[in-house]
Amino acid sequence: MARAVSGPAPPAEAGPAAALEAHILTSLSDVAAEAWDACVPGGHPFVRHAFLSALEQSGSATPETGWLGQHVVLKDGGGAVLGAVPMYLKNHSQGEYVFDHGWADAFERAGGRYYPKMQVSVPFTPATGPRLLLRADAGTGEEEAAALQGALLSACIQCSDRTGASSLHITFPDEEEAELMQEAGLLLRTGMQFHWDNDGYDSFDDFLASLASRKRKQIRRERREALAEGLTIQVLSGDDILEHHWDAFFRFYQETGSRKWGMPYLTREFFSLLGQGMGERVVLLIAENAGRPIAGALNLMSGDTLYGRNWGAVEYHKFLHFELCYYQAIDYAIRHRLKRVEAGAQGEHKLLRGYLPCPTYSAHWIANPSFRDAIENYLEHEARQVDWEIEALGAHSPFRKEAP
């Protein structure tokens, strides 16, 4: 179902935005995959139509689970899609990885109503990437592209306001988009993750050579002990991933998810749809013990980055988590000339394994002026703390002092 955000999409000034109209879609099925994906830069996997549709079609992110689609599609006068935003109306704060439970509690104790709220994000996915999606040929220059992104952002705010949402939250945008959102008056929040950067390494041993001697020996020992009991690892992608692989991985995912959240977010069907729709972007690692699958790690890949997403195991083996989720990811990135590995949320233990602290961002529109002021004050203090933490952790880098 689609509805228009009344009239031309703002800003109202002369220029490319003046003749455009923003439509709000409750389902990704209301827009052609080709039209949506034409707005996805760099092959980024998580904002592709196939990934977002798999979440909806599998029952993972639906109105029944608290994710009501309010996706923005920007069209020109001829009906062609020029831009898009994945957006949801939510009645909870689960599956976001940028925690605002304290905000909700404070606002409701003050007599406000925090839910519903609007969320621009990829459900259950703490990976930085584009959020204000533009077709590659939609802007003839930086100013025109920025105007179109401004139109998308304005449509998101208008939709939030008209549905009575307390707030709009845009999580894990890239840095350039975060700056645009801050300039538009949204509050910017800083977080932290640990990412590994490929400094032109030719092999895993080449990467190890850049580390301090003690860290190098530690990683070699951990890799050796992880597979010491005769475990083997399969690296699967595309058509090599069969349904029995997804069956095994879903068991692993359920085991870990039930311990972390009580109930895993993703359904079994999601993984089948993911493999069918974009298997060429999936890198699935399966550890086997005497031919029996016992652990796995799911990664997705863009043109230059490997994203670690989910992990699980039904047997405990010391250091196997590090091997599957961190070392195998680095090895794969080096062999396939990828620039970066993003290993997901949290985890200071990643630092000693070559993953360095990096800032992440979210942007927030708060409808209530008094509540906005309180949030702004909080974010100023939080940003200083995050900056200090990134600097302090960076001082404990495992790399040799002469290495980058």
Foldseek 3Di string as FASTA:
>chain_A
DKDWLPDFQDPCDDADRPQKIKMWDQALVVDDQVLQVLQFPQQPPLSRSLQLNLCDVQVLADVVVFWGWGKIFMAGPVGRTFKIFTKTFGFDDPQAQPDDPVLQVVQVVVPHHQPRAMEGDRGNAQEAEAGTTGRPPSDPDDVNVLRSSVSVVRSSVSVRVVVVHQKYKYFRYDPVVLVSLVVVPWFKFKDKFWKFFDPLAQALVSVLVQFDPVLSVVVVVLLCQQCVQPKDKDKDFAPRDDLVNLVLAVVFQQVVQCVPPVGDSGDSSSVVSCNVPCRNQKIKMFIDDVNHTFKIWIWGDGNAEIETRTIGGNDDGGSNCCVHQPVVRVRVNSVVVHGMYGRDDDDLVCQSVRTAMDMTMMTMDGDDVVSSVVVNVVRVVNVVVNVVVNVVSNVVHRGDPVRD
